[in-house]
Amino acid sequence: MMKKPEILAPAGSMEKLKFALRFGADAVYLGGSDFSLRAQGKNFGQAELTEAVHYVHEQGKKVYVTVNIYPHEDDLAGLADYLRFLESVGADAALVSDLGIFTLARQVAPKLPLHVSTQANTLNSAAVNAWAAMGAERVVLGREVSLEELKKIRTVTNVELEMFVHGAMCVSYSGRCLLSNFLTGRDANRGSCTQPCRWKYALVEEKRPGQYFPVEEDARGTYIFNSKDLALLSYVGQLSELGVDSLKIEGRMKSVHYAATVANTYRRAVDDYFDWRSESAVLDGGAVTNIGEWAPAQQMYDELEKISHRRYSLGFLEGRPDMNGQVYNTSVYEQSTEFIGVVLSCDEDGNAVIEQRNNFRVGENIEFFPPEGEIFSFVLEKMADGDNNDIQVAPHARQIVKMKLPKQVPDYTILRRILVENKEDHK
């Protein structure tokens, strides 16, 4: 039987880690305080990383740790000890992009599995097989790999393959950018990117210093490097059939709401595809010949509109993006809902204890998004604070709120405010 691909979610903090796993991820990836390409994120110190590994393993799932910087000479200090630590604590793999770090890991932590990071720009089967020959257990392909290239790579390689299927796209080749370093002195390839590709720009002519000519479509500025976000939900079936071992979600610096929603959507898509596949195999006498007929339900697309995102595209999957791969008139994120709270507990009568994450009030129509089960909404008629005093509004960050729900819901259920109706039908 064909194996389901792993759903691999980002974990920028312990809380995001727990939400990603609770909402369906099979594995998470995270960064330590050192040697990670998200230096501005809430990375894990050694004590927190130890706790995270133990927690993930208690859930029967996996955790991968990024060691994916391109180190300068001074960055090598302490690296060997850190790799030994990852091996000793039981990390399921280290994500590495630099050949020197890879070689050092093989020497000092031989039992630590190694995955080759997307930062290594692996785009062809020769490179995949070279990494495998050196001992890599998995290679994360560059985002620039097309579906046709993936088919060829998979036919001549045996190592595990991982692909990004959702999240932000960088303007530079596989995320290797010099803009931040040049403009701010903060090195994107050492984890400190300031994302200058998202800044507003104007044109200055040599003989007219101080005169700024707009290159824009509206008064807010032009975003000439503003790549659309990647969303390969519709290709979950084809990627599974091609033998992609892990479907990776970008976003260690994104919100809890993002981690939970995207992990859950791809979890449901994979499960739905394999259910459909089993039914089709029975109808076709054991062979599945119509994989192109499966499509995600409209509700799955709607869920991806509810999180903060830029407009979606297929990235490089169907070939090199054209001018439609960029957003030219805004860098504003879109979302159709807003994360406002999370259920800490709820009894069988629907009496719930909520932790507030954004201001909400009596009279609002609130949507409840549980880790399993159906999404539902209702108009909030009454609520109380942690001392059981009736309140009309919950304005304080992480305020404890009590309310009666129409039914019992599991812990970690997310509360959302509906901002706009979904605009696009993908069917």
Protein backbone atom coordinates (compact mmCIF):
# COMPACT_ATOMS: atom_id res chain seq x y z
CA MET A 1 0.00 0.00 0.00
CA MET A 2 1.26 3.47 -0.88
CA LYS A 3 2.48 5.42 2.14
CA LYS A 4 0.86 8.72 3.03
CA PRO A 5 3.25 11.65 2.88
CA GLU A 6 4.18 13.27 6.16
CA ILE A 7 2.56 16.61 7.02
CA LEU A 8 5.48 18.71 8.31
CA ALA A 9 4.55 21.93 10.11
CA PRO A 10 6.61 24.87 11.41
CA ALA A 11 7.06 25.31 15.16
CA GLY A 12 8.42 28.74 16.02
CA SER A 13 7.53 28.28 19.69
CA MET A 14 6.37 25.56 22.06
CA GLU A 15 2.80 26.77 21.74
CA LYS A 16 2.87 26.63 17.94
CA LEU A 17 4.41 23.18 18.16
CA LYS A 18 1.53 21.90 20.28
CA PHE A 19 -1.12 23.45 18.05
CA ALA A 20 0.46 22.08 14.86
CA LEU A 21 0.55 18.55 16.26
CA ARG A 22 -2.94 18.80 17.75
CA PHE A 23 -4.34 19.93 14.40
CA GLY A 24 -2.87 17.06 12.40
CA ALA A 25 0.84 17.48 11.67
CA ASP A 26 2.92 14.29 11.69
CA ALA A 27 6.13 16.18 12.41
CA VAL A 28 7.41 19.65 13.20
CA TYR A 29 10.60 21.52 12.44
CA LEU A 30 12.09 24.12 14.74
CA GLY A 31 15.22 26.15 15.28
CA GLY A 32 17.63 26.24 18.17
CA SER A 33 18.94 29.51 19.57
CA ASP A 34 22.04 29.11 17.39
CA PHE A 35 22.79 27.95 13.83
CA SER A 36 19.23 28.52 12.53
CA LEU A 37 17.97 30.67 9.65
CA ARG A 38 15.26 32.36 11.72
CA ALA A 39 17.38 34.34 14.14
CA GLN A 40 14.53 36.76 14.88
CA GLY A 41 12.09 33.99 15.77
CA LYS A 42 11.34 32.60 19.22
CA ASN A 43 13.85 29.81 18.88
CA PHE A 44 14.47 27.05 21.39
CA GLY A 45 17.28 27.07 23.93
CA GLN A 46 18.70 23.69 24.90
CA ALA A 47 16.30 23.22 27.83
CA GLU A 48 13.30 24.18 25.70
CA LEU A 49 14.53 22.02 22.84
CA THR A 50 14.88 19.03 25.16
CA GLU A 51 11.34 19.60 26.40
CA ALA A 52 10.07 19.91 22.83
CA VAL A 53 11.69 16.65 21.68
CA HIS A 54 10.28 14.76 24.65
CA TYR A 55 6.80 16.23 24.12
CA VAL A 56 6.75 15.42 20.40
CA HIS A 57 7.91 11.86 20.98
CA GLU A 58 5.23 11.37 23.63
CA GLN A 59 2.72 12.17 20.87
CA GLY A 60 4.31 9.50 18.66
CA LYS A 61 5.49 12.13 16.19
CA LYS A 62 8.79 13.56 14.94
CA VAL A 63 10.81 16.73 15.39
CA TYR A 64 13.53 18.07 13.09
CA VAL A 65 15.94 20.82 14.13
CA THR A 66 17.30 23.40 11.69
CA VAL A 67 21.09 23.85 11.60
CA ASN A 68 20.89 25.51 8.21
CA ILE A 69 23.01 28.66 8.38
CA TYR A 70 25.90 29.23 5.99
CA PRO A 71 28.56 29.69 8.67
CA HIS A 72 31.47 32.07 8.63
CA GLU A 73 34.60 30.92 10.44
CA ASP A 74 33.53 32.36 13.79
CA ASP A 75 30.19 30.54 13.56
CA LEU A 76 31.94 27.18 13.85
CA ALA A 77 32.64 27.74 17.54
CA GLY A 78 30.40 25.48 19.58
CA LEU A 79 28.91 23.77 16.54
CA ALA A 80 30.33 20.31 17.27
CA ASP A 81 28.98 20.38 20.83
CA TYR A 82 25.57 21.49 19.56
CA LEU A 83 25.42 18.62 17.06
CA ARG A 84 26.35 16.17 19.83
CA PHE A 85 23.57 17.66 21.94
CA LEU A 86 20.99 17.13 19.18
CA GLU A 87 22.09 13.52 18.87
CA SER A 88 21.92 12.95 22.63
CA VAL A 89 18.49 14.51 23.06
CA GLY A 90 17.02 12.33 20.31
CA ALA A 91 16.20 14.83 17.56
CA ASP A 92 14.78 12.91 14.62
CA ALA A 93 17.01 14.82 12.20
CA ALA A 94 19.06 17.97 11.76
CA LEU A 95 18.32 20.14 8.72
CA VAL A 96 21.65 21.17 7.17
CA SER A 97 22.58 23.22 4.10
CA ASP A 98 26.34 23.72 4.45
CA LEU A 99 28.69 20.93 3.36
CA GLY A 100 31.08 21.64 6.22
CA ILE A 101 28.34 21.32 8.84
CA PHE A 102 27.11 18.14 7.15
CA THR A 103 30.60 16.60 7.26
CA LEU A 104 31.17 17.67 10.86
CA ALA A 105 27.84 16.16 11.91
CA ARG A 106 28.80 12.83 10.37
CA GLN A 107 32.03 12.89 12.36
CA VAL A 108 30.86 14.04 15.80
CA ALA A 109 27.22 12.86 15.84
CA PRO A 110 27.10 9.79 13.59
CA LYS A 111 23.69 8.64 14.89
CA LEU A 112 22.02 11.99 14.16
CA PRO A 113 19.99 11.68 10.94
CA LEU A 114 20.63 14.48 8.45
CA HIS A 115 18.19 16.15 6.11
CA VAL A 116 19.48 18.51 3.44
CA SER A 117 17.80 21.92 3.73
CA THR A 118 16.12 23.68 0.84
CA GLN A 119 18.84 26.34 1.27
CA ALA A 120 21.24 23.90 -0.40
CA ASN A 121 19.41 24.63 -3.70
CA THR A 122 18.98 20.96 -4.66
CA LEU A 123 17.22 20.99 -8.03
CA ASN A 124 18.32 17.80 -9.82
CA SER A 125 18.80 14.07 -9.34
CA ALA A 126 22.61 14.24 -9.50
CA ALA A 127 22.66 16.54 -6.49
CA VAL A 128 20.06 14.44 -4.64
CA ASN A 129 22.09 11.28 -5.19
CA ALA A 130 25.32 13.02 -4.18
CA TRP A 131 23.82 14.03 -0.84
CA ALA A 132 22.42 10.53 -0.38
CA ALA A 133 25.85 9.01 -1.05
CA MET A 134 27.27 11.17 1.74
CA GLY A 135 24.68 9.87 4.17
CA ALA A 136 21.65 12.17 3.91
CA GLU A 137 18.41 10.44 4.80
CA ARG A 138 16.25 13.10 3.18
CA VAL A 139 16.66 15.96 0.72
CA VAL A 140 14.40 19.01 0.74
CA LEU A 141 14.07 20.08 -2.87
CA GLY A 142 14.38 23.73 -3.84
CA ARG A 143 11.12 25.57 -4.42
CA GLU A 144 12.21 26.07 -8.05
CA VAL A 145 11.66 22.37 -8.92
CA SER A 146 8.75 21.84 -11.33
CA LEU A 147 6.40 18.86 -11.35
CA GLU A 148 8.04 17.46 -14.48
CA GLU A 149 11.48 17.76 -12.89
CA LEU A 150 10.17 16.10 -9.73
CA LYS A 151 8.95 13.13 -11.78
CA LYS A 152 12.42 12.65 -13.28
CA ILE A 153 14.19 13.09 -9.95
CA ARG A 154 11.98 10.56 -8.22
CA THR A 155 12.53 7.86 -10.86
CA VAL A 156 16.32 7.78 -10.34
CA THR A 157 16.62 8.45 -6.60
CA ASN A 158 15.84 6.36 -3.52
CA VAL A 159 16.44 8.85 -0.71
CA GLU A 160 13.43 10.51 0.96
CA LEU A 161 12.21 13.70 -0.75
CA GLU A 162 10.58 16.66 0.94
CA MET A 163 8.84 19.57 -0.79
CA PHE A 164 7.41 22.87 0.33
CA VAL A 165 3.69 22.92 -0.45
CA HIS A 166 2.55 26.05 1.35
CA GLY A 167 3.81 29.42 2.53
CA ALA A 168 5.83 32.47 1.61
CA MET A 169 8.04 32.55 -1.47
CA CYS A 170 11.31 34.48 -1.48
CA VAL A 171 12.20 36.76 -4.38
CA SER A 172 15.73 35.33 -4.45
CA TYR A 173 16.86 31.94 -5.65
CA SER A 174 15.89 29.38 -3.00
CA GLY A 175 15.87 32.16 -0.44
CA ARG A 176 19.56 33.04 -0.82
CA CYS A 177 19.43 36.81 -0.76
CA LEU A 178 21.93 39.68 -0.30
CA LEU A 179 19.46 42.56 -0.05
CA SER A 180 19.18 42.51 3.72
CA ASN A 181 22.94 42.30 4.18
CA PHE A 182 23.60 45.12 1.72
CA LEU A 183 20.91 47.50 3.01
CA THR A 184 20.92 46.83 6.75
CA GLY A 185 23.98 44.73 7.57
CA ARG A 186 21.77 41.84 8.69
CA ASP A 187 22.59 38.63 6.83
CA ALA A 188 19.68 36.62 5.46
CA ASN A 189 21.93 33.60 5.08
CA ARG A 190 22.79 33.67 8.77
CA GLY A 191 19.22 33.99 10.00
CA SER A 192 18.72 37.75 10.29
CA CYS A 193 16.76 38.80 7.18
CA THR A 194 14.92 42.14 7.47
CA GLN A 195 12.77 41.35 4.37
CA PRO A 196 13.69 44.50 2.41
CA CYS A 197 12.00 42.89 -0.60
CA ARG A 198 8.72 43.93 1.06
CA TRP A 199 9.66 47.62 1.39
CA LYS A 200 8.29 50.39 -0.79
CA TYR A 201 10.57 51.56 -3.61
CA ALA A 202 10.76 54.51 -6.01
CA LEU A 203 13.00 55.36 -8.97
CA VAL A 204 15.77 58.03 -8.75
CA GLU A 205 17.39 59.41 -11.92
CA GLU A 206 21.13 60.16 -11.81
CA LYS A 207 20.89 63.89 -12.58
CA ARG A 208 17.83 64.48 -10.36
CA PRO A 209 18.97 63.47 -6.86
CA GLY A 210 16.23 63.73 -4.29
CA GLN A 211 13.45 63.43 -6.86
CA TYR A 212 11.55 60.17 -6.47
CA PHE A 213 9.58 58.86 -9.41
CA PRO A 214 6.95 56.29 -8.46
CA VAL A 215 6.93 52.89 -10.13
CA GLU A 216 3.53 52.03 -8.84
CA GLU A 217 -0.06 51.18 -9.61
CA ASP A 218 -1.56 53.11 -6.71
CA ALA A 219 -0.60 55.70 -4.11
CA ARG A 220 0.52 53.14 -1.53
CA GLY A 221 3.72 52.25 -3.36
CA THR A 222 5.02 49.45 -5.55
CA TYR A 223 6.19 46.11 -4.28
CA ILE A 224 8.42 44.94 -7.11
CA PHE A 225 9.74 41.88 -5.23
CA ASN A 226 6.40 40.90 -3.67
CA SER A 227 6.07 37.19 -4.48
CA LYS A 228 2.70 35.51 -4.05
CA ASP A 229 2.46 32.77 -1.44
CA LEU A 230 2.75 29.12 -2.43
CA ALA A 231 -0.32 26.86 -2.15
CA LEU A 232 -0.16 23.36 -3.67
CA LEU A 233 -3.33 22.00 -2.06
CA SER A 234 -4.73 20.86 -5.41
CA TYR A 235 -1.56 18.83 -6.08
CA VAL A 236 -1.60 16.78 -2.87
CA GLY A 237 -2.74 13.69 -4.79
CA GLN A 238 -0.15 13.95 -7.55
CA LEU A 239 2.70 14.61 -5.11
CA SER A 240 1.62 11.57 -3.09
CA GLU A 241 1.55 9.39 -6.19
CA LEU A 242 5.03 10.56 -7.16
CA GLY A 243 6.38 9.39 -3.81
CA VAL A 244 7.09 12.72 -2.10
CA ASP A 245 7.73 11.66 1.49
CA SER A 246 7.05 14.93 3.27
CA LEU A 247 4.81 17.92 2.49
CA LYS A 248 6.38 20.92 4.17
CA ILE A 249 4.63 24.06 5.38
CA GLU A 250 6.64 27.29 5.60
CA GLY A 251 6.21 29.66 8.50
CA ARG A 252 8.14 29.31 11.77
CA MET A 253 7.52 33.02 12.42
CA LYS A 254 3.80 32.83 11.58
CA SER A 255 0.97 32.68 14.13
CA VAL A 256 -0.60 29.82 16.08
CA HIS A 257 -3.70 30.29 13.92
CA TYR A 258 -1.61 29.87 10.77
CA ALA A 259 0.17 26.72 12.01
CA ALA A 260 -3.05 25.06 13.11
CA THR A 261 -5.12 25.98 10.06
CA VAL A 262 -2.60 25.04 7.38
CA ALA A 263 -1.55 21.79 9.09
CA ASN A 264 -5.20 20.79 9.50
CA THR A 265 -6.12 21.67 5.92
CA TYR A 266 -3.32 19.60 4.38
CA ARG A 267 -3.97 16.80 6.88
CA ARG A 268 -7.59 16.61 5.73
CA ALA A 269 -6.59 16.88 2.08
CA VAL A 270 -4.13 13.96 2.32
CA ASP A 271 -6.58 11.81 4.25
CA ASP A 272 -9.37 12.65 1.82
CA TYR A 273 -7.20 11.80 -1.17
CA PHE A 274 -6.24 8.41 0.25
CA ASP A 275 -9.87 7.62 1.11
CA TRP A 276 -10.85 8.54 -2.44
CA ARG A 277 -7.95 6.49 -3.79
CA SER A 278 -9.04 3.38 -1.88
CA GLU A 279 -12.58 3.72 -3.16
CA SER A 280 -11.36 4.25 -6.73
CA ALA A 281 -9.10 1.20 -6.49
CA VAL A 282 -12.08 -0.98 -5.61
CA LEU A 283 -14.10 0.41 -8.50
CA ASP A 284 -11.17 0.00 -10.93
CA GLY A 285 -10.38 -3.55 -9.86
CA GLY A 286 -7.24 -2.65 -7.89
CA ALA A 287 -5.69 -0.04 -10.19
CA VAL A 288 -6.12 3.70 -9.85
CA THR A 289 -6.10 5.28 -13.27
CA ASN A 290 -7.94 8.54 -12.69
CA ILE A 291 -5.87 10.37 -10.05
CA GLY A 292 -6.43 13.66 -11.85
CA GLU A 293 -10.14 13.52 -11.01
CA TRP A 294 -9.62 14.10 -7.27
CA ALA A 295 -9.88 17.67 -6.06
CA PRO A 296 -9.92 19.24 -2.59
CA ALA A 297 -13.32 20.30 -1.27
CA GLN A 298 -14.13 24.00 -1.52
CA GLN A 299 -14.10 24.17 2.28
CA MET A 300 -10.37 23.34 2.27
CA TYR A 301 -9.63 26.27 -0.01
CA ASP A 302 -11.83 28.46 2.18
CA GLU A 303 -9.76 27.53 5.23
CA LEU A 304 -6.56 28.75 3.57
CA GLU A 305 -8.25 32.12 2.94
CA LYS A 306 -8.95 32.50 6.66
CA ILE A 307 -5.30 32.87 7.66
CA SER A 308 -3.05 35.87 7.03
CA HIS A 309 -1.46 35.41 3.60
CA ARG A 310 -0.52 37.02 0.33
CA ARG A 311 -2.41 35.95 -2.77
CA TYR A 312 -1.72 32.34 -3.68
CA SER A 313 0.05 30.78 -6.65
CA LEU A 314 1.53 27.44 -7.70
CA GLY A 315 5.07 28.81 -7.53
CA PHE A 316 7.35 26.92 -9.93
CA LEU A 317 5.34 23.69 -9.99
CA GLU A 318 3.92 24.18 -13.49
CA GLY A 319 7.05 25.91 -14.79
CA ARG A 320 8.77 29.24 -14.34
CA PRO A 321 6.33 31.85 -12.97
CA ASP A 322 5.42 34.73 -15.23
CA MET A 323 4.40 38.26 -14.28
CA ASN A 324 1.36 36.87 -12.45
CA GLY A 325 3.64 35.36 -9.80
CA GLN A 326 4.01 38.78 -8.14
CA VAL A 327 1.67 41.22 -6.41
CA TYR A 328 2.43 44.73 -7.71
CA ASN A 329 0.04 47.07 -5.94
CA THR A 330 0.14 46.12 -2.26
CA SER A 331 2.11 44.25 0.35
CA VAL A 332 -0.91 43.99 2.65
CA TYR A 333 -1.74 40.51 3.86
CA GLU A 334 -5.22 39.12 3.26
CA GLN A 335 -7.37 37.06 5.62
CA SER A 336 -11.09 36.34 5.96
CA THR A 337 -11.05 35.61 9.71
CA GLU A 338 -9.24 36.85 12.80
CA PHE A 339 -7.92 34.66 15.63
CA ILE A 340 -9.59 35.83 18.87
CA GLY A 341 -9.27 33.00 21.38
CA VAL A 342 -8.60 29.39 22.26
CA VAL A 343 -10.55 26.88 24.35
CA LEU A 344 -8.64 25.79 27.45
CA SER A 345 -11.36 23.40 28.66
CA CYS A 346 -14.98 22.53 27.98
CA ASP A 347 -17.28 20.12 29.84
CA GLU A 348 -19.93 17.87 28.33
CA ASP A 349 -22.58 20.57 28.85
CA GLY A 350 -20.62 23.07 26.76
CA ASN A 351 -19.35 25.21 29.62
CA ALA A 352 -16.08 26.51 28.21
CA VAL A 353 -13.07 28.35 29.57
CA ILE A 354 -11.50 30.55 26.89
CA GLU A 355 -8.18 32.37 26.71
CA GLN A 356 -8.65 35.63 24.78
CA ARG A 357 -6.18 36.42 21.97
CA ASN A 358 -7.94 39.45 20.46
CA ASN A 359 -10.69 41.78 21.56
CA PHE A 360 -14.23 40.37 21.16
CA ARG A 361 -17.66 41.16 22.60
CA VAL A 362 -21.19 39.94 23.22
CA GLY A 363 -23.28 40.04 20.06
CA GLU A 364 -20.52 38.91 17.70
CA ASN A 365 -20.90 35.87 15.46
CA ILE A 366 -17.96 33.66 16.49
CA GLU A 367 -16.63 30.69 14.54
CA PHE A 368 -15.25 27.68 16.41
CA PHE A 369 -12.51 25.66 14.69
CA PRO A 370 -11.82 22.38 16.58
CA PRO A 371 -8.83 20.07 16.00
CA GLU A 372 -11.31 17.43 14.91
CA GLY A 373 -14.99 17.60 14.06
CA GLU A 374 -17.04 20.18 12.25
CA ILE A 375 -16.48 23.94 12.27
CA PHE A 376 -19.51 25.81 13.60
CA SER A 377 -20.49 29.34 14.58
CA PHE A 378 -23.02 31.06 16.80
CA VAL A 379 -23.83 34.54 18.09
CA LEU A 380 -22.35 35.09 21.54
CA GLU A 381 -25.17 36.15 23.87
CA LYS A 382 -23.44 36.05 27.24
CA MET A 383 -20.00 35.65 28.77
CA ALA A 384 -18.22 36.10 32.09
CA ASP A 385 -14.71 36.82 33.29
CA GLY A 386 -12.55 34.40 35.26
CA ASP A 387 -14.35 35.39 38.49
CA ASN A 388 -17.78 34.67 36.95
CA ASN A 389 -18.73 38.35 36.60
CA ASP A 390 -20.83 39.07 33.53
CA ILE A 391 -18.92 41.11 30.92
CA GLN A 392 -19.81 42.59 27.55
CA VAL A 393 -16.32 42.72 26.09
CA ALA A 394 -13.01 40.86 26.53
CA PRO A 395 -10.36 43.56 25.90
CA HIS A 396 -7.37 42.27 27.86
CA ALA A 397 -4.60 40.16 26.32
CA ARG A 398 -4.95 36.49 27.29
CA GLN A 399 -7.94 37.32 29.47
CA ILE A 400 -9.80 34.27 30.85
CA VAL A 401 -13.40 34.22 29.64
CA LYS A 402 -16.21 31.78 30.37
CA MET A 403 -19.10 31.08 28.03
CA LYS A 404 -21.73 28.45 27.25
CA LEU A 405 -21.29 26.73 23.89
CA PRO A 406 -23.96 24.79 21.97
CA LYS A 407 -21.93 21.60 22.47
CA GLN A 408 -18.73 20.26 23.99
CA VAL A 409 -15.56 21.02 22.06
CA PRO A 410 -12.01 19.70 22.59
CA ASP A 411 -9.16 21.68 24.12
CA TYR A 412 -7.19 23.76 21.60
CA THR A 413 -10.34 24.68 19.68
CA ILE A 414 -9.71 28.06 18.01
CA LEU A 415 -12.17 30.97 18.10
CA ARG A 416 -12.29 33.18 15.01
CA ARG A 417 -14.03 36.41 14.05
CA ILE A 418 -15.36 36.36 10.49
CA LEU A 419 -14.07 39.45 8.65
CA VAL A 420 -15.17 38.90 5.04
CA GLU A 421 -16.88 36.22 3.06
CA ASN A 422 -14.63 34.07 0.87
CA LYS A 423 -14.42 35.57 -2.59
CA GLU A 424 -13.19 32.78 -4.84
CA ASP A 425 -14.70 29.41 -5.71
CA HIS A 426 -11.98 26.91 -6.68
CA LYS A 427 -14.26 24.18 -7.94
